Amino acid sequence: LDIELEMGAVVGTGSRFGQPVSVAEADEMIFGYV
C-alpha cells in the first residue's frame, strides 16, 4: 500500500459536449487547487 503526492485542479466552469477548449480557455475554467 502506497501514497502519491499530487496536486488536484478543481474545474469551476464546464465546457460543451463536442467542443474542445484551448489551453488558455482551460486555465480560465480552473477555480483552484487542493
Full PDB file with SEQRES, HELIX, SHEET, SSBOND, CRYST1, ORIGX, SCALE, CONECT and MASTER records, all heavy atoms in Angstrom:
SEQRES   1 A   34  LEU ASP ILE GLU LEU GLU MET GLY ALA VAL VAL GLY THR          
SEQRES   2 A   34  GLY SER ARG PHE GLY GLN PRO VAL SER VAL ALA GLU ALA          
SEQRES   3 A   34  ASP GLU MET ILE PHE GLY TYR VAL                              
HELIX    1 AA1 VAL A   23  MET A   29  1                                   7    
SHEET    1 AA1 2 ALA A   9  VAL A  11  0                                        
SHEET    2 AA1 2 ILE A  30  TYR A  33 -1                                        
CRYST1    1.000    1.000    1.000  90.00  90.00  90.00 P 1           1          
ORIGX1      1.000000  0.000000  0.000000        0.00000                         
ORIGX2      0.000000  1.000000  0.000000        0.00000                         
ORIGX3      0.000000  0.000000  1.000000        0.00000                         
SCALE1      1.000000  0.000000  0.000000        0.00000                         
SCALE2      0.000000  1.000000  0.000000        0.00000                         
SCALE3      0.000000  0.000000  1.000000        0.00000                         
ATOM      1  N   LEU A   1       0.845  -1.194   0.000  1.00  0.00           N  
ATOM      2  CA  LEU A   1       0.000   0.000   0.000  1.00  0.00           C  
ATOM      3  C   LEU A   1       0.884   1.248   0.000  1.00  0.00           C  
ATOM      4  O   LEU A   1       1.810   1.367   0.805  1.00  0.00           O  
ATOM      5  CB  LEU A   1      -0.914  -0.013   1.221  1.00  0.00           C  
ATOM      6  CG  LEU A   1      -1.962   1.100   1.300  1.00  0.00           C  
ATOM      7  CD1 LEU A   1      -2.905   1.065   0.106  1.00  0.00           C  
ATOM      8  CD2 LEU A   1      -2.760   0.972   2.593  1.00  0.00           C  
ATOM      9  N   ASP A   2       0.549   2.181  -0.868  1.00  0.00           N  
ATOM     10  CA  ASP A   2       1.441   3.312  -1.139  1.00  0.00           C  
ATOM     11  C   ASP A   2       0.656   4.619  -1.128  1.00  0.00           C  
ATOM     12  O   ASP A   2      -0.577   4.645  -1.036  1.00  0.00           O  
ATOM     13  CB  ASP A   2       2.106   3.104  -2.511  1.00  0.00           C  
ATOM     14  CG  ASP A   2       3.376   3.920  -2.706  1.00  0.00           C  
ATOM     15  OD1 ASP A   2       3.745   4.708  -1.803  1.00  0.00           O  
ATOM     16  OD2 ASP A   2       3.997   3.768  -3.771  1.00  0.00           O  
ATOM     17  N   ILE A   3       1.398   5.702  -1.239  1.00  0.00           N  
ATOM     18  CA  ILE A   3       0.847   7.049  -1.375  1.00  0.00           C  
ATOM     19  C   ILE A   3       1.256   7.612  -2.722  1.00  0.00           C  
ATOM     20  O   ILE A   3       2.162   7.099  -3.380  1.00  0.00           O  
ATOM     21  CB  ILE A   3       1.384   7.984  -0.271  1.00  0.00           C  
ATOM     22  CG1 ILE A   3       2.913   8.094  -0.388  1.00  0.00           C  
ATOM     23  CG2 ILE A   3       0.969   7.495   1.093  1.00  0.00           C  
ATOM     24  CD1 ILE A   3       3.506   9.309   0.237  1.00  0.00           C  
ATOM     25  N   GLU A   4       0.609   8.696  -3.119  1.00  0.00           N  
ATOM     26  CA  GLU A   4       1.069   9.501  -4.252  1.00  0.00           C  
ATOM     27  C   GLU A   4       0.830  10.964  -3.923  1.00  0.00           C  
ATOM     28  O   GLU A   4      -0.312  11.381  -3.711  1.00  0.00           O  
ATOM     29  CB  GLU A   4       0.357   9.104  -5.554  1.00  0.00           C  
ATOM     30  CG  GLU A   4       0.824   7.760  -6.075  1.00  0.00           C  
ATOM     31  CD  GLU A   4       0.359   7.445  -7.481  1.00  0.00           C  
ATOM     32  OE1 GLU A   4      -0.627   8.076  -7.943  1.00  0.00           O  
ATOM     33  OE2 GLU A   4       0.965   6.578  -8.125  1.00  0.00           O  
ATOM     34  N   LEU A   5       1.909  11.708  -3.854  1.00  0.00           N  
ATOM     35  CA  LEU A   5       1.849  13.147  -3.590  1.00  0.00           C  
ATOM     36  C   LEU A   5       1.449  13.869  -4.867  1.00  0.00           C  
ATOM     37  O   LEU A   5       2.198  13.851  -5.848  1.00  0.00           O  
ATOM     38  CB  LEU A   5       3.215  13.629  -3.103  1.00  0.00           C  
ATOM     39  CG  LEU A   5       3.441  15.140  -3.032  1.00  0.00           C  
ATOM     40  CD1 LEU A   5       2.499  15.801  -2.040  1.00  0.00           C  
ATOM     41  CD2 LEU A   5       4.892  15.445  -2.689  1.00  0.00           C  
ATOM     42  N   GLU A   6       0.277  14.502  -4.856  1.00  0.00           N  
ATOM     43  CA  GLU A   6      -0.214  15.178  -6.045  1.00  0.00           C  
ATOM     44  C   GLU A   6      -0.867  16.507  -5.673  1.00  0.00           C  
ATOM     45  O   GLU A   6      -1.192  16.769  -4.515  1.00  0.00           O  
ATOM     46  CB  GLU A   6      -1.240  14.312  -6.792  1.00  0.00           C  
ATOM     47  CG  GLU A   6      -0.729  12.938  -7.197  1.00  0.00           C  
ATOM     48  CD  GLU A   6      -1.679  12.222  -8.154  1.00  0.00           C  
ATOM     49  OE1 GLU A   6      -2.397  12.911  -8.910  1.00  0.00           O  
ATOM     50  OE2 GLU A   6      -1.694  10.975  -8.133  1.00  0.00           O  
ATOM     51  N   MET A   7      -1.080  17.337  -6.695  1.00  0.00           N  
ATOM     52  CA  MET A   7      -1.971  18.484  -6.608  1.00  0.00           C  
ATOM     53  C   MET A   7      -3.226  18.150  -7.405  1.00  0.00           C  
ATOM     54  O   MET A   7      -3.163  17.431  -8.412  1.00  0.00           O  
ATOM     55  CB  MET A   7      -1.321  19.732  -7.198  1.00  0.00           C  
ATOM     56  CG  MET A   7      -0.104  20.232  -6.455  1.00  0.00           C  
ATOM     57  SD  MET A   7      -0.462  20.889  -4.820  1.00  0.00           S  
ATOM     58  CE  MET A   7      -1.547  22.254  -5.239  1.00  0.00           C  
ATOM     59  N   GLY A   8      -4.356  18.680  -6.959  1.00  0.00           N  
ATOM     60  CA  GLY A   8      -5.603  18.497  -7.692  1.00  0.00           C  
ATOM     61  C   GLY A   8      -6.122  19.822  -8.197  1.00  0.00           C  
ATOM     62  O   GLY A   8      -6.206  20.795  -7.435  1.00  0.00           O  
ATOM     63  N   ALA A   9      -6.442  19.907  -9.480  1.00  0.00           N  
ATOM     64  CA  ALA A   9      -7.049  21.105 -10.057  1.00  0.00           C  
ATOM     65  C   ALA A   9      -8.566  20.935 -10.058  1.00  0.00           C  
ATOM     66  O   ALA A   9      -9.082  19.891 -10.467  1.00  0.00           O  
ATOM     67  CB  ALA A   9      -6.550  21.339 -11.473  1.00  0.00           C  
ATOM     68  N   VAL A  10      -9.282  21.958  -9.581  1.00  0.00           N  
ATOM     69  CA  VAL A  10     -10.745  21.911  -9.463  1.00  0.00           C  
ATOM     70  C   VAL A  10     -11.356  22.737 -10.589  1.00  0.00           C  
ATOM     71  O   VAL A  10     -11.115  23.946 -10.696  1.00  0.00           O  
ATOM     72  CB  VAL A  10     -11.197  22.462  -8.100  1.00  0.00           C  
ATOM     73  CG1 VAL A  10     -12.713  22.363  -7.960  1.00  0.00           C  
ATOM     74  CG2 VAL A  10     -10.491  21.727  -6.964  1.00  0.00           C  
ATOM     75  N   VAL A  11     -12.156  22.088 -11.428  1.00  0.00           N  
ATOM     76  CA  VAL A  11     -12.787  22.768 -12.563  1.00  0.00           C  
ATOM     77  C   VAL A  11     -13.988  23.556 -12.052  1.00  0.00           C  
ATOM     78  O   VAL A  11     -14.897  23.003 -11.419  1.00  0.00           O  
ATOM     79  CB  VAL A  11     -13.213  21.761 -13.642  1.00  0.00           C  
ATOM     80  CG1 VAL A  11     -13.957  22.468 -14.776  1.00  0.00           C  
ATOM     81  CG2 VAL A  11     -11.988  21.027 -14.199  1.00  0.00           C  
ATOM     82  N   GLY A  12     -13.986  24.869 -12.326  1.00  0.00           N  
ATOM     83  CA  GLY A  12     -15.066  25.724 -11.856  1.00  0.00           C  
ATOM     84  C   GLY A  12     -16.198  25.866 -12.847  1.00  0.00           C  
ATOM     85  O   GLY A  12     -17.372  25.848 -12.473  1.00  0.00           O  
ATOM     86  N   THR A  13     -15.869  26.024 -14.117  1.00  0.00           N  
ATOM     87  CA  THR A  13     -16.895  26.127 -15.159  1.00  0.00           C  
ATOM     88  C   THR A  13     -16.637  25.070 -16.215  1.00  0.00           C  
ATOM     89  O   THR A  13     -15.490  24.758 -16.533  1.00  0.00           O  
ATOM     90  CB  THR A  13     -16.891  27.515 -15.823  1.00  0.00           C  
ATOM     91  OG1 THR A  13     -15.581  27.799 -16.336  1.00  0.00           O  
ATOM     92  CG2 THR A  13     -17.278  28.592 -14.825  1.00  0.00           C  
ATOM     93  N   GLY A  14     -17.702  24.522 -16.760  1.00  0.00           N  
ATOM     94  CA  GLY A  14     -17.584  23.406 -17.682  1.00  0.00           C  
ATOM     95  C   GLY A  14     -17.461  23.825 -19.129  1.00  0.00           C  
ATOM     96  O   GLY A  14     -17.348  25.001 -19.469  1.00  0.00           O  
ATOM     97  N   SER A  15     -17.477  22.813 -19.997  1.00  0.00           N  
ATOM     98  CA  SER A  15     -17.423  23.031 -21.454  1.00  0.00           C  
ATOM     99  C   SER A  15     -18.532  22.221 -22.106  1.00  0.00           C  
ATOM    100  O   SER A  15     -19.104  21.308 -21.504  1.00  0.00           O  
ATOM    101  CB  SER A  15     -16.056  22.632 -22.009  1.00  0.00           C  
ATOM    102  OG  SER A  15     -15.783  21.258 -21.760  1.00  0.00           O  
ATOM    103  N   ARG A  16     -18.828  22.560 -23.362  1.00  0.00           N  
ATOM    104  CA  ARG A  16     -19.932  21.915 -24.071  1.00  0.00           C  
ATOM    105  C   ARG A  16     -19.494  20.599 -24.700  1.00  0.00           C  
ATOM    106  O   ARG A  16     -18.349  20.430 -25.113  1.00  0.00           O  
ATOM    107  CB  ARG A  16     -20.494  22.840 -25.156  1.00  0.00           C  
ATOM    108  CG  ARG A  16     -21.085  24.126 -24.623  1.00  0.00           C  
ATOM    109  CD  ARG A  16     -21.968  24.796 -25.668  1.00  0.00           C  
ATOM    110  NE  ARG A  16     -21.261  25.017 -26.925  1.00  0.00           N  
ATOM    111  CZ  ARG A  16     -20.509  26.066 -27.193  1.00  0.00           C  
ATOM    112  NH1 ARG A  16     -20.327  27.000 -26.265  1.00  0.00           N  
ATOM    113  NH2 ARG A  16     -19.927  26.199 -28.360  1.00  0.00           N  
ATOM    114  N   PHE A  17     -20.423  19.673 -24.795  1.00  0.00           N  
ATOM    115  CA  PHE A  17     -20.194  18.396 -25.475  1.00  0.00           C  
ATOM    116  C   PHE A  17     -19.754  18.653 -26.917  1.00  0.00           C  
ATOM    117  O   PHE A  17     -20.368  19.431 -27.642  1.00  0.00           O  
ATOM    118  CB  PHE A  17     -21.488  17.580 -25.453  1.00  0.00           C  
ATOM    119  CG  PHE A  17     -21.428  16.294 -26.223  1.00  0.00           C  
ATOM    120  CD1 PHE A  17     -20.702  15.220 -25.733  1.00  0.00           C  
ATOM    121  CD2 PHE A  17     -22.080  16.166 -27.433  1.00  0.00           C  
ATOM    122  CE1 PHE A  17     -20.643  14.029 -26.447  1.00  0.00           C  
ATOM    123  CE2 PHE A  17     -22.035  14.978 -28.153  1.00  0.00           C  
ATOM    124  CZ  PHE A  17     -21.308  13.901 -27.653  1.00  0.00           C  
ATOM    125  N   GLY A  18     -18.664  18.030 -27.307  1.00  0.00           N  
ATOM    126  CA  GLY A  18     -18.174  18.160 -28.674  1.00  0.00           C  
ATOM    127  C   GLY A  18     -17.323  19.385 -28.927  1.00  0.00           C  
ATOM    128  O   GLY A  18     -16.863  19.584 -30.058  1.00  0.00           O  
ATOM    129  N   GLN A  19     -17.086  20.228 -27.898  1.00  0.00           N  
ATOM    130  CA  GLN A  19     -16.366  21.489 -28.092  1.00  0.00           C  
ATOM    131  C   GLN A  19     -15.045  21.482 -27.326  1.00  0.00           C  
ATOM    132  O   GLN A  19     -15.034  21.640 -26.103  1.00  0.00           O  
ATOM    133  CB  GLN A  19     -17.224  22.664 -27.622  1.00  0.00           C  
ATOM    134  CG  GLN A  19     -16.565  24.016 -27.804  1.00  0.00           C  
ATOM    135  CD  GLN A  19     -16.307  24.338 -29.273  1.00  0.00           C  
ATOM    136  OE1 GLN A  19     -17.216  24.283 -30.088  1.00  0.00           O  
ATOM    137  NE2 GLN A  19     -15.051  24.641 -29.592  1.00  0.00           N  
ATOM    138  N   PRO A  20     -13.913  21.281 -28.004  1.00  0.00           N  
ATOM    139  CA  PRO A  20     -12.625  21.370 -27.322  1.00  0.00           C  
ATOM    140  C   PRO A  20     -12.360  22.781 -26.814  1.00  0.00           C  
ATOM    141  O   PRO A  20     -12.937  23.757 -27.312  1.00  0.00           O  
ATOM    142  CB  PRO A  20     -11.609  20.994 -28.418  1.00  0.00           C  
ATOM    143  CG  PRO A  20     -12.401  20.328 -29.493  1.00  0.00           C  
ATOM    144  CD  PRO A  20     -13.773  20.944 -29.432  1.00  0.00           C  
ATOM    145  N   VAL A  21     -11.496  22.902 -25.809  1.00  0.00           N  
ATOM    146  CA  VAL A  21     -11.086  24.213 -25.303  1.00  0.00           C  
ATOM    147  C   VAL A  21      -9.580  24.353 -25.448  1.00  0.00           C  
ATOM    148  O   VAL A  21      -8.839  23.370 -25.439  1.00  0.00           O  
ATOM    149  CB  VAL A  21     -11.498  24.416 -23.825  1.00  0.00           C  
ATOM    150  CG1 VAL A  21     -12.995  24.321 -23.672  1.00  0.00           C  
ATOM    151  CG2 VAL A  21     -10.798  23.425 -22.910  1.00  0.00           C  
ATOM    152  N   SER A  22      -9.121  25.570 -25.601  1.00  0.00           N  
ATOM    153  CA  SER A  22      -7.686  25.839 -25.709  1.00  0.00           C  
ATOM    154  C   SER A  22      -7.049  25.785 -24.324  1.00  0.00           C  
ATOM    155  O   SER A  22      -7.740  25.777 -23.301  1.00  0.00           O  
ATOM    156  CB  SER A  22      -7.459  27.208 -26.332  1.00  0.00           C  
ATOM    157  OG  SER A  22      -7.882  28.229 -25.450  1.00  0.00           O  
ATOM    158  N   VAL A  23      -5.722  25.806 -24.288  1.00  0.00           N  
ATOM    159  CA  VAL A  23      -5.021  25.827 -23.013  1.00  0.00           C  
ATOM    160  C   VAL A  23      -5.376  27.103 -22.240  1.00  0.00           C  
ATOM    161  O   VAL A  23      -5.597  27.067 -21.027  1.00  0.00           O  
ATOM    162  CB  VAL A  23      -3.504  25.704 -23.220  1.00  0.00           C  
ATOM    163  CG1 VAL A  23      -2.754  25.866 -21.904  1.00  0.00           C  
ATOM    164  CG2 VAL A  23      -3.159  24.358 -23.852  1.00  0.00           C  
ATOM    165  N   ALA A  24      -5.439  28.230 -22.931  1.00  0.00           N  
ATOM    166  CA  ALA A  24      -5.804  29.491 -22.272  1.00  0.00           C  
ATOM    167  C   ALA A  24      -7.221  29.428 -21.721  1.00  0.00           C  
ATOM    168  O   ALA A  24      -7.489  29.884 -20.597  1.00  0.00           O  
ATOM    169  CB  ALA A  24      -5.668  30.650 -23.252  1.00  0.00           C  
ATOM    170  N   GLU A  25      -8.170  28.870 -22.488  1.00  0.00           N  
ATOM    171  CA  GLU A  25      -9.550  28.736 -22.008  1.00  0.00           C  
ATOM    172  C   GLU A  25      -9.614  27.771 -20.821  1.00  0.00           C  
ATOM    173  O   GLU A  25     -10.357  27.997 -19.869  1.00  0.00           O  
ATOM    174  CB  GLU A  25     -10.441  28.238 -23.142  1.00  0.00           C  
ATOM    175  CG  GLU A  25     -10.676  29.274 -24.229  1.00  0.00           C  
ATOM    176  CD  GLU A  25     -11.328  28.693 -25.466  1.00  0.00           C  
ATOM    177  OE1 GLU A  25     -11.157  27.477 -25.731  1.00  0.00           O  
ATOM    178  OE2 GLU A  25     -12.001  29.456 -26.187  1.00  0.00           O  
ATOM    179  N   ALA A  26      -8.822  26.715 -20.884  1.00  0.00           N  
ATOM    180  CA  ALA A  26      -8.792  25.754 -19.784  1.00  0.00           C  
ATOM    181  C   ALA A  26      -8.314  26.403 -18.497  1.00  0.00           C  
ATOM    182  O   ALA A  26      -8.863  26.162 -17.414  1.00  0.00           O  
ATOM    183  CB  ALA A  26      -7.885  24.572 -20.153  1.00  0.00           C  
ATOM    184  N   ASP A  27      -7.309  27.256 -18.603  1.00  0.00           N  
ATOM    185  CA  ASP A  27      -6.801  27.949 -17.424  1.00  0.00           C  
ATOM    186  C   ASP A  27      -7.889  28.827 -16.797  1.00  0.00           C  
ATOM    187  O   ASP A  27      -8.000  28.905 -15.570  1.00  0.00           O  
ATOM    188  CB  ASP A  27      -5.582  28.792 -17.800  1.00  0.00           C  
ATOM    189  CG  ASP A  27      -4.897  29.398 -16.592  1.00  0.00           C  
ATOM    190  OD1 ASP A  27      -4.583  28.650 -15.659  1.00  0.00           O  
ATOM    191  OD2 ASP A  27      -4.684  30.620 -16.595  1.00  0.00           O  
ATOM    192  N   GLU A  28      -8.704  29.467 -17.614  1.00  0.00           N  
ATOM    193  CA  GLU A  28      -9.802  30.297 -17.113  1.00  0.00           C  
ATOM    194  C   GLU A  28     -10.879  29.455 -16.431  1.00  0.00           C  
ATOM    195  O   GLU A  28     -11.569  29.934 -15.525  1.00  0.00           O  
ATOM    196  CB  GLU A  28     -10.433  31.087 -18.267  1.00  0.00           C  
ATOM    197  CG  GLU A  28      -9.578  32.225 -18.771  1.00  0.00           C  
ATOM    198  CD  GLU A  28      -9.391  33.299 -17.716  1.00  0.00           C  
ATOM    199  OE1 GLU A  28     -10.394  33.764 -17.150  1.00  0.00           O  
ATOM    200  OE2 GLU A  28      -8.226  33.645 -17.430  1.00  0.00           O  
ATOM    201  N   MET A  29     -11.019  28.198 -16.831  1.00  0.00           N  
ATOM    202  CA  MET A  29     -12.046  27.324 -16.269  1.00  0.00           C  
ATOM    203  C   MET A  29     -11.685  26.806 -14.884  1.00  0.00           C  
ATOM    204  O   MET A  29     -12.558  26.377 -14.124  1.00  0.00           O  
ATOM    205  CB  MET A  29     -12.275  26.122 -17.199  1.00  0.00           C  
ATOM    206  CG  MET A  29     -12.925  26.470 -18.532  1.00  0.00           C  
ATOM    207  SD  MET A  29     -12.780  25.116 -19.750  1.00  0.00           S  
ATOM    208  CE  MET A  29     -13.611  23.772 -18.907  1.00  0.00           C  
ATOM    209  N   ILE A  30     -10.402  26.821 -14.539  1.00  0.00           N  
ATOM    210  CA  ILE A  30      -9.955  26.254 -13.265  1.00  0.00           C  
ATOM    211  C   ILE A  30     -10.253  27.234 -12.129  1.00  0.00           C  
ATOM    212  O   ILE A  30      -9.841  28.389 -12.169  1.00  0.00           O  
ATOM    213  CB  ILE A  30      -8.458  25.912 -13.314  1.00  0.00           C  
ATOM    214  CG1 ILE A  30      -8.207  24.783 -14.320  1.00  0.00           C  
ATOM    215  CG2 ILE A  30      -7.947  25.501 -11.929  1.00  0.00           C  
ATOM    216  CD1 ILE A  30      -6.742  24.505 -14.591  1.00  0.00           C  
ATOM    217  N   PHE A  31     -10.971  26.761 -11.118  1.00  0.00           N  
ATOM    218  CA  PHE A  31     -11.319  27.590  -9.960  1.00  0.00           C  
ATOM    219  C   PHE A  31     -10.177  27.650  -8.955  1.00  0.00           C  
ATOM    220  O   PHE A  31      -9.880  28.702  -8.395  1.00  0.00           O  
ATOM    221  CB  PHE A  31     -12.573  27.020  -9.297  1.00  0.00           C  
ATOM    222  CG  PHE A  31     -12.972  27.726  -8.031  1.00  0.00           C  
ATOM    223  CD1 PHE A  31     -13.470  29.019  -8.065  1.00  0.00           C  
ATOM    224  CD2 PHE A  31     -12.854  27.091  -6.799  1.00  0.00           C  
ATOM    225  CE1 PHE A  31     -13.842  29.675  -6.889  1.00  0.00           C  
ATOM    226  CE2 PHE A  31     -13.229  27.735  -5.628  1.00  0.00           C  
ATOM    227  CZ  PHE A  31     -13.719  29.025  -5.677  1.00  0.00           C  
ATOM    228  N   GLY A  32      -9.558  26.512  -8.693  1.00  0.00           N  
ATOM    229  CA  GLY A  32      -8.491  26.492  -7.696  1.00  0.00           C  
ATOM    230  C   GLY A  32      -7.860  25.124  -7.582  1.00  0.00           C  
ATOM    231  O   GLY A  32      -8.077  24.229  -8.415  1.00  0.00           O  
ATOM    232  N   TYR A  33      -7.077  24.950  -6.509  1.00  0.00           N  
ATOM    233  CA  TYR A  33      -6.244  23.756  -6.349  1.00  0.00           C  
ATOM    234  C   TYR A  33      -6.345  23.219  -4.921  1.00  0.00           C  
ATOM    235  O   TYR A  33      -6.537  23.977  -3.960  1.00  0.00           O  
ATOM    236  CB  TYR A  33      -4.787  24.082  -6.672  1.00  0.00           C  
ATOM    237  CG  TYR A  33      -4.552  24.394  -8.136  1.00  0.00           C  
ATOM    238  CD1 TYR A  33      -4.826  25.659  -8.646  1.00  0.00           C  
ATOM    239  CD2 TYR A  33      -4.080  23.419  -9.010  1.00  0.00           C  
ATOM    240  CE1 TYR A  33      -4.633  25.951  -9.987  1.00  0.00           C  
ATOM    241  CE2 TYR A  33      -3.875  23.701 -10.344  1.00  0.00           C  
ATOM    242  CZ  TYR A  33      -4.149  24.962 -10.833  1.00  0.00           C  
ATOM    243  OH  TYR A  33      -3.964  25.244 -12.165  1.00  0.00           O  
ATOM    244  N   VAL A  34      -6.176  21.903  -4.791  1.00  0.00           N  
ATOM    245  CA  VAL A  34      -6.126  21.228  -3.500  1.00  0.00           C  
ATOM    246  C   VAL A  34      -4.906  20.305  -3.481  1.00  0.00           C  
ATOM    247  O   VAL A  34      -4.372  19.929  -4.526  1.00  0.00           O  
ATOM    248  CB  VAL A  34      -7.394  20.389  -3.239  1.00  0.00           C  
ATOM    249  CG1 VAL A  34      -8.620  21.274  -3.079  1.00  0.00           C  
ATOM    250  CG2 VAL A  34      -7.620  19.366  -4.367  1.00  0.00           C  
TER     251      VAL A  34                                                      
MASTER        0    0    0    1    2    0    0    6  250    1    0    3          
END                                                                             
